[in-house]
N, C-alpha and C. Protein backbone atom coordinates (compact mmCIF):
# COMPACT_ATOMS: atom_id res chain seq x y z
N MET A 1 0.83 -1.20 0.00
CA MET A 1 0.00 0.00 0.00
C MET A 1 0.87 1.25 0.00
N ILE A 2 0.29 2.33 -0.40
CA ILE A 2 1.01 3.61 -0.45
C ILE A 2 1.24 4.10 0.98
N THR A 3 2.45 4.57 1.22
CA THR A 3 2.79 5.02 2.57
C THR A 3 2.98 6.53 2.68
N HIS A 4 3.40 7.18 1.60
CA HIS A 4 3.61 8.63 1.63
C HIS A 4 3.85 9.16 0.22
N ILE A 5 3.82 10.46 0.07
CA ILE A 5 4.17 11.09 -1.20
C ILE A 5 5.69 11.09 -1.29
N SER A 6 6.22 10.60 -2.38
CA SER A 6 7.67 10.51 -2.55
C SER A 6 8.25 11.81 -3.10
N VAL A 7 7.75 12.24 -4.27
CA VAL A 7 8.34 13.39 -4.95
C VAL A 7 7.24 14.23 -5.60
N ALA A 8 7.36 15.53 -5.50
CA ALA A 8 6.52 16.46 -6.25
C ALA A 8 7.42 17.13 -7.28
N VAL A 9 6.90 17.41 -8.46
CA VAL A 9 7.68 17.99 -9.55
C VAL A 9 7.42 19.48 -9.65
N MET A 10 8.50 20.25 -9.77
CA MET A 10 8.40 21.67 -10.07
C MET A 10 9.24 21.93 -11.32
N TYR A 11 8.67 22.66 -12.28
CA TYR A 11 9.40 23.02 -13.49
C TYR A 11 10.01 24.40 -13.30
N VAL A 12 11.32 24.48 -13.50
CA VAL A 12 12.06 25.71 -13.21
C VAL A 12 12.89 26.14 -14.42
N ARG A 13 13.22 27.42 -14.46
CA ARG A 13 14.02 27.97 -15.56
C ARG A 13 15.48 27.56 -15.41
N ASP A 14 16.01 27.64 -14.20
CA ASP A 14 17.42 27.39 -13.94
C ASP A 14 17.54 26.50 -12.71
N GLN A 15 17.93 25.26 -12.91
CA GLN A 15 17.96 24.31 -11.79
C GLN A 15 18.89 24.77 -10.67
N GLN A 16 20.07 25.27 -11.01
CA GLN A 16 21.00 25.66 -9.95
C GLN A 16 20.46 26.85 -9.15
N ARG A 17 19.84 27.79 -9.82
CA ARG A 17 19.25 28.94 -9.12
C ARG A 17 18.16 28.45 -8.17
N SER A 18 17.38 27.46 -8.60
CA SER A 18 16.33 26.91 -7.75
C SER A 18 16.91 26.14 -6.58
N VAL A 19 17.97 25.36 -6.81
CA VAL A 19 18.65 24.66 -5.71
C VAL A 19 19.17 25.68 -4.71
N ASP A 20 19.78 26.75 -5.21
CA ASP A 20 20.29 27.80 -4.32
C ASP A 20 19.17 28.39 -3.47
N PHE A 21 17.98 28.57 -4.05
CA PHE A 21 16.85 29.12 -3.31
C PHE A 21 16.36 28.13 -2.25
N TYR A 22 16.03 26.92 -2.66
CA TYR A 22 15.44 25.95 -1.73
C TYR A 22 16.45 25.48 -0.68
N ALA A 23 17.69 25.23 -1.08
CA ALA A 23 18.71 24.79 -0.11
C ALA A 23 19.30 25.97 0.65
N GLY A 24 19.67 27.01 -0.06
CA GLY A 24 20.34 28.15 0.57
C GLY A 24 19.42 29.07 1.34
N LYS A 25 18.23 29.31 0.83
CA LYS A 25 17.32 30.26 1.47
C LYS A 25 16.30 29.58 2.40
N LEU A 26 15.69 28.49 1.92
CA LEU A 26 14.68 27.83 2.73
C LEU A 26 15.26 26.78 3.67
N GLY A 27 16.53 26.43 3.49
CA GLY A 27 17.19 25.50 4.39
C GLY A 27 16.95 24.03 4.08
N PHE A 28 16.50 23.71 2.86
CA PHE A 28 16.30 22.33 2.46
C PHE A 28 17.66 21.66 2.24
N GLU A 29 17.65 20.33 2.16
CA GLU A 29 18.86 19.59 1.81
C GLU A 29 18.70 19.03 0.41
N LYS A 30 19.81 19.04 -0.33
CA LYS A 30 19.81 18.44 -1.67
C LYS A 30 20.10 16.96 -1.47
N THR A 31 19.19 16.09 -1.89
CA THR A 31 19.34 14.66 -1.66
C THR A 31 19.75 13.88 -2.89
N VAL A 32 19.44 14.41 -4.07
CA VAL A 32 19.83 13.76 -5.32
C VAL A 32 20.23 14.83 -6.31
N ASP A 33 21.32 14.57 -7.02
CA ASP A 33 21.74 15.41 -8.14
C ASP A 33 22.44 14.48 -9.12
N ALA A 34 21.69 14.02 -10.13
CA ALA A 34 22.21 13.00 -11.03
C ALA A 34 21.78 13.29 -12.47
N GLU A 35 22.54 12.76 -13.41
CA GLU A 35 22.20 12.89 -14.81
C GLU A 35 21.07 11.93 -15.14
N MET A 36 20.01 12.45 -15.78
CA MET A 36 18.91 11.60 -16.25
C MET A 36 19.28 10.99 -17.59
N TRP A 37 19.78 11.83 -18.47
CA TRP A 37 20.32 11.48 -19.78
C TRP A 37 21.21 12.65 -20.15
N PRO A 38 22.03 12.55 -21.20
CA PRO A 38 22.93 13.67 -21.52
C PRO A 38 22.18 15.00 -21.63
N GLY A 39 22.58 15.95 -20.82
CA GLY A 39 21.99 17.27 -20.83
C GLY A 39 20.78 17.44 -19.93
N ALA A 40 20.35 16.38 -19.26
CA ALA A 40 19.20 16.48 -18.35
C ALA A 40 19.63 16.02 -16.96
N ARG A 41 19.20 16.79 -15.98
CA ARG A 41 19.63 16.58 -14.59
C ARG A 41 18.41 16.34 -13.71
N TRP A 42 18.50 15.34 -12.82
CA TRP A 42 17.46 15.07 -11.82
C TRP A 42 17.98 15.60 -10.50
N VAL A 43 17.30 16.60 -9.94
CA VAL A 43 17.71 17.21 -8.68
C VAL A 43 16.54 17.14 -7.72
N GLU A 44 16.79 16.61 -6.51
CA GLU A 44 15.76 16.57 -5.48
C GLU A 44 16.23 17.34 -4.25
N VAL A 45 15.32 18.10 -3.67
CA VAL A 45 15.56 18.81 -2.41
C VAL A 45 14.40 18.50 -1.47
N ARG A 46 14.66 18.59 -0.17
CA ARG A 46 13.59 18.36 0.80
C ARG A 46 13.94 19.03 2.11
N PRO A 47 12.93 19.34 2.92
CA PRO A 47 13.21 19.84 4.27
C PRO A 47 13.99 18.77 5.03
N PRO A 48 14.88 19.17 5.92
CA PRO A 48 15.66 18.19 6.68
C PRO A 48 14.74 17.17 7.37
N GLY A 49 15.02 15.89 7.15
CA GLY A 49 14.27 14.82 7.79
C GLY A 49 12.95 14.46 7.12
N ALA A 50 12.55 15.17 6.09
CA ALA A 50 11.26 14.92 5.44
C ALA A 50 11.30 13.66 4.59
N GLN A 51 10.15 13.05 4.39
CA GLN A 51 10.03 11.90 3.50
C GLN A 51 9.82 12.34 2.06
N THR A 52 9.15 13.45 1.86
CA THR A 52 8.80 13.92 0.53
C THR A 52 9.83 14.91 0.01
N SER A 53 10.22 14.72 -1.24
CA SER A 53 11.16 15.62 -1.90
C SER A 53 10.46 16.38 -3.01
N ILE A 54 11.12 17.44 -3.46
CA ILE A 54 10.70 18.17 -4.65
C ILE A 54 11.79 17.93 -5.67
N THR A 55 11.41 17.50 -6.86
CA THR A 55 12.39 17.43 -7.93
C THR A 55 12.25 18.69 -8.76
N LEU A 56 13.37 19.34 -8.97
CA LEU A 56 13.43 20.61 -9.70
C LEU A 56 13.84 20.30 -11.13
N HIS A 57 12.84 20.14 -12.01
CA HIS A 57 13.10 19.79 -13.40
C HIS A 57 13.31 21.04 -14.24
N SER A 58 14.23 20.96 -15.17
CA SER A 58 14.40 22.03 -16.15
C SER A 58 13.15 22.09 -17.02
N ALA A 59 12.47 23.21 -17.01
CA ALA A 59 11.24 23.34 -17.79
C ALA A 59 11.50 23.10 -19.28
N ALA A 60 12.58 23.67 -19.79
CA ALA A 60 12.88 23.54 -21.22
C ALA A 60 13.08 22.08 -21.62
N THR A 61 13.73 21.30 -20.77
CA THR A 61 14.00 19.88 -21.07
C THR A 61 12.70 19.09 -21.24
N PHE A 62 11.66 19.48 -20.52
CA PHE A 62 10.39 18.75 -20.56
C PHE A 62 9.30 19.51 -21.32
N ASN A 63 9.72 20.51 -22.11
CA ASN A 63 8.78 21.30 -22.91
C ASN A 63 7.66 21.88 -22.06
N ARG A 64 8.04 22.44 -20.92
CA ARG A 64 7.11 23.09 -19.99
C ARG A 64 7.53 24.54 -19.79
N ARG A 65 6.72 25.26 -19.06
CA ARG A 65 7.05 26.65 -18.69
C ARG A 65 7.44 26.67 -17.22
N PRO A 66 8.44 27.50 -16.88
CA PRO A 66 8.75 27.67 -15.45
C PRO A 66 7.50 28.12 -14.71
N GLY A 67 7.29 27.58 -13.54
CA GLY A 67 6.12 27.92 -12.74
C GLY A 67 5.00 26.91 -12.90
N GLU A 68 5.04 26.07 -13.95
CA GLU A 68 4.06 24.99 -14.07
C GLU A 68 4.42 23.93 -13.05
N GLY A 69 3.46 23.22 -12.56
CA GLY A 69 3.78 22.11 -11.68
C GLY A 69 3.07 22.18 -10.35
N ALA A 70 3.76 21.76 -9.33
CA ALA A 70 3.18 21.53 -8.01
C ALA A 70 2.78 22.82 -7.31
N PHE A 71 1.73 22.72 -6.50
CA PHE A 71 1.35 23.75 -5.54
C PHE A 71 1.62 23.14 -4.18
N LEU A 72 2.53 23.71 -3.43
CA LEU A 72 3.03 23.06 -2.22
C LEU A 72 2.76 23.87 -0.97
N THR A 73 2.52 23.15 0.13
CA THR A 73 2.40 23.75 1.45
C THR A 73 3.39 23.06 2.37
N PHE A 74 4.23 23.87 3.03
CA PHE A 74 5.21 23.36 3.98
C PHE A 74 4.74 23.70 5.39
N ALA A 75 5.20 22.93 6.36
CA ALA A 75 4.81 23.15 7.75
C ALA A 75 5.98 23.75 8.53
N CYS A 76 5.66 24.54 9.55
CA CYS A 76 6.66 25.09 10.45
C CYS A 76 6.05 25.16 11.85
N ASP A 77 6.88 25.41 12.84
CA ASP A 77 6.40 25.52 14.22
C ASP A 77 5.92 26.92 14.56
N ASP A 78 6.52 27.94 13.93
CA ASP A 78 6.23 29.34 14.27
C ASP A 78 6.23 30.16 12.99
N VAL A 79 5.05 30.54 12.53
CA VAL A 79 4.90 31.25 11.26
C VAL A 79 5.61 32.60 11.29
N GLU A 80 5.43 33.36 12.36
CA GLU A 80 6.03 34.69 12.44
C GLU A 80 7.56 34.61 12.44
N ALA A 81 8.13 33.70 13.21
CA ALA A 81 9.59 33.55 13.26
C ALA A 81 10.12 33.06 11.91
N THR A 82 9.39 32.18 11.26
CA THR A 82 9.81 31.68 9.95
C THR A 82 9.78 32.81 8.93
N ALA A 83 8.74 33.62 8.95
CA ALA A 83 8.66 34.76 8.02
C ALA A 83 9.83 35.71 8.25
N ALA A 84 10.14 36.02 9.50
CA ALA A 84 11.25 36.93 9.80
C ALA A 84 12.58 36.36 9.31
N GLU A 85 12.80 35.07 9.54
CA GLU A 85 14.06 34.45 9.11
C GLU A 85 14.17 34.41 7.59
N LEU A 86 13.08 34.09 6.91
CA LEU A 86 13.13 34.06 5.45
C LEU A 86 13.37 35.44 4.88
N ARG A 87 12.75 36.46 5.45
CA ARG A 87 13.01 37.84 4.99
C ARG A 87 14.48 38.20 5.20
N ARG A 88 15.05 37.78 6.33
CA ARG A 88 16.46 38.04 6.60
C ARG A 88 17.34 37.39 5.52
N ARG A 89 16.88 36.27 4.99
CA ARG A 89 17.62 35.56 3.94
C ARG A 89 17.32 36.10 2.54
N GLY A 90 16.47 37.13 2.45
CA GLY A 90 16.18 37.75 1.17
C GLY A 90 15.03 37.14 0.39
N VAL A 91 14.18 36.38 1.06
CA VAL A 91 13.04 35.74 0.40
C VAL A 91 11.84 36.67 0.45
N ALA A 92 11.12 36.77 -0.68
CA ALA A 92 9.87 37.53 -0.72
C ALA A 92 8.80 36.72 0.01
N VAL A 93 8.30 37.27 1.13
CA VAL A 93 7.34 36.57 1.98
C VAL A 93 6.18 37.50 2.30
N THR A 94 4.96 36.95 2.29
CA THR A 94 3.79 37.74 2.67
C THR A 94 3.76 37.90 4.18
N ASN A 95 2.93 38.80 4.64
CA ASN A 95 2.65 38.88 6.07
C ASN A 95 1.79 37.68 6.46
N PRO A 96 1.86 37.24 7.71
CA PRO A 96 1.03 36.11 8.14
C PRO A 96 -0.46 36.42 7.96
N VAL A 97 -1.18 35.40 7.50
CA VAL A 97 -2.63 35.48 7.31
C VAL A 97 -3.25 34.47 8.26
N GLU A 98 -4.21 34.94 9.04
CA GLU A 98 -4.91 34.05 9.97
C GLU A 98 -6.25 33.65 9.38
N GLU A 99 -6.48 32.35 9.32
CA GLU A 99 -7.73 31.78 8.83
C GLU A 99 -8.31 30.90 9.94
N PRO A 100 -9.56 30.54 9.85
CA PRO A 100 -10.13 29.65 10.87
C PRO A 100 -9.37 28.32 11.00
N TRP A 101 -8.78 27.85 9.90
CA TRP A 101 -8.06 26.57 9.91
C TRP A 101 -6.59 26.70 10.29
N GLY A 102 -6.06 27.94 10.37
CA GLY A 102 -4.66 28.12 10.74
C GLY A 102 -4.06 29.40 10.20
N THR A 103 -2.78 29.61 10.50
CA THR A 103 -2.04 30.79 10.08
C THR A 103 -0.99 30.37 9.06
N TYR A 104 -0.80 31.20 8.03
CA TYR A 104 0.17 30.86 7.00
C TYR A 104 0.82 32.11 6.42
N ILE A 105 1.92 31.86 5.72
CA ILE A 105 2.59 32.87 4.89
C ILE A 105 2.80 32.24 3.53
N LYS A 106 3.12 33.06 2.55
CA LYS A 106 3.51 32.55 1.23
C LYS A 106 4.87 33.13 0.89
N ALA A 107 5.71 32.27 0.32
CA ALA A 107 7.03 32.67 -0.15
C ALA A 107 7.10 32.41 -1.65
N THR A 108 7.80 33.27 -2.37
CA THR A 108 7.90 33.13 -3.82
C THR A 108 9.32 32.79 -4.22
N ASP A 109 9.44 31.73 -5.04
CA ASP A 109 10.77 31.31 -5.50
C ASP A 109 11.16 32.07 -6.76
N PRO A 110 12.36 31.85 -7.28
CA PRO A 110 12.83 32.62 -8.44
C PRO A 110 11.99 32.46 -9.71
N ASP A 111 11.22 31.38 -9.83
CA ASP A 111 10.39 31.18 -11.01
C ASP A 111 8.94 31.57 -10.79
N GLY A 112 8.63 32.15 -9.64
CA GLY A 112 7.28 32.59 -9.37
C GLY A 112 6.40 31.55 -8.71
N HIS A 113 6.97 30.35 -8.37
CA HIS A 113 6.20 29.39 -7.60
C HIS A 113 5.91 30.02 -6.23
N GLU A 114 4.68 30.02 -5.85
CA GLU A 114 4.30 30.54 -4.56
C GLU A 114 4.03 29.34 -3.64
N VAL A 115 4.84 29.18 -2.62
CA VAL A 115 4.65 28.07 -1.69
C VAL A 115 4.07 28.61 -0.39
N MET A 116 3.17 27.83 0.18
CA MET A 116 2.55 28.21 1.45
C MET A 116 3.33 27.56 2.59
N ILE A 117 3.49 28.29 3.67
CA ILE A 117 4.13 27.77 4.87
C ILE A 117 3.18 28.05 6.02
N SER A 118 2.74 26.97 6.67
CA SER A 118 1.74 27.13 7.74
C SER A 118 2.20 26.42 9.00
N LYS A 119 1.59 26.83 10.10
CA LYS A 119 1.90 26.18 11.37
C LYS A 119 1.32 24.77 11.36
N LYS A 120 2.10 23.82 11.86
CA LYS A 120 1.65 22.42 11.89
C LYS A 120 0.41 22.29 12.75
């Protein structure tokens, strides 16, 4: 039986720029960086200790547009502290939004993917 989501796909303009954002700015770890075929690279990043990874595919290689792909929500312990830390790292982050189901922020990556970060 299925136990968890393994990988979500995001199509990006520049894989290294995206790795720099997710690993360098959001604090993810790069778990895979391998050649798929000549000229194509499979890169996976994930939050430390997470089961699910994001593969950052070159949009051009798969005849896609940057920004097509997954809509993702990440969890954190403290939305306000996370927003402050991400801003310190130079990430475009919204102000916290409180909803009946929880509080969240949105961060935008270099290709315009908007990811949600909410309190667990």
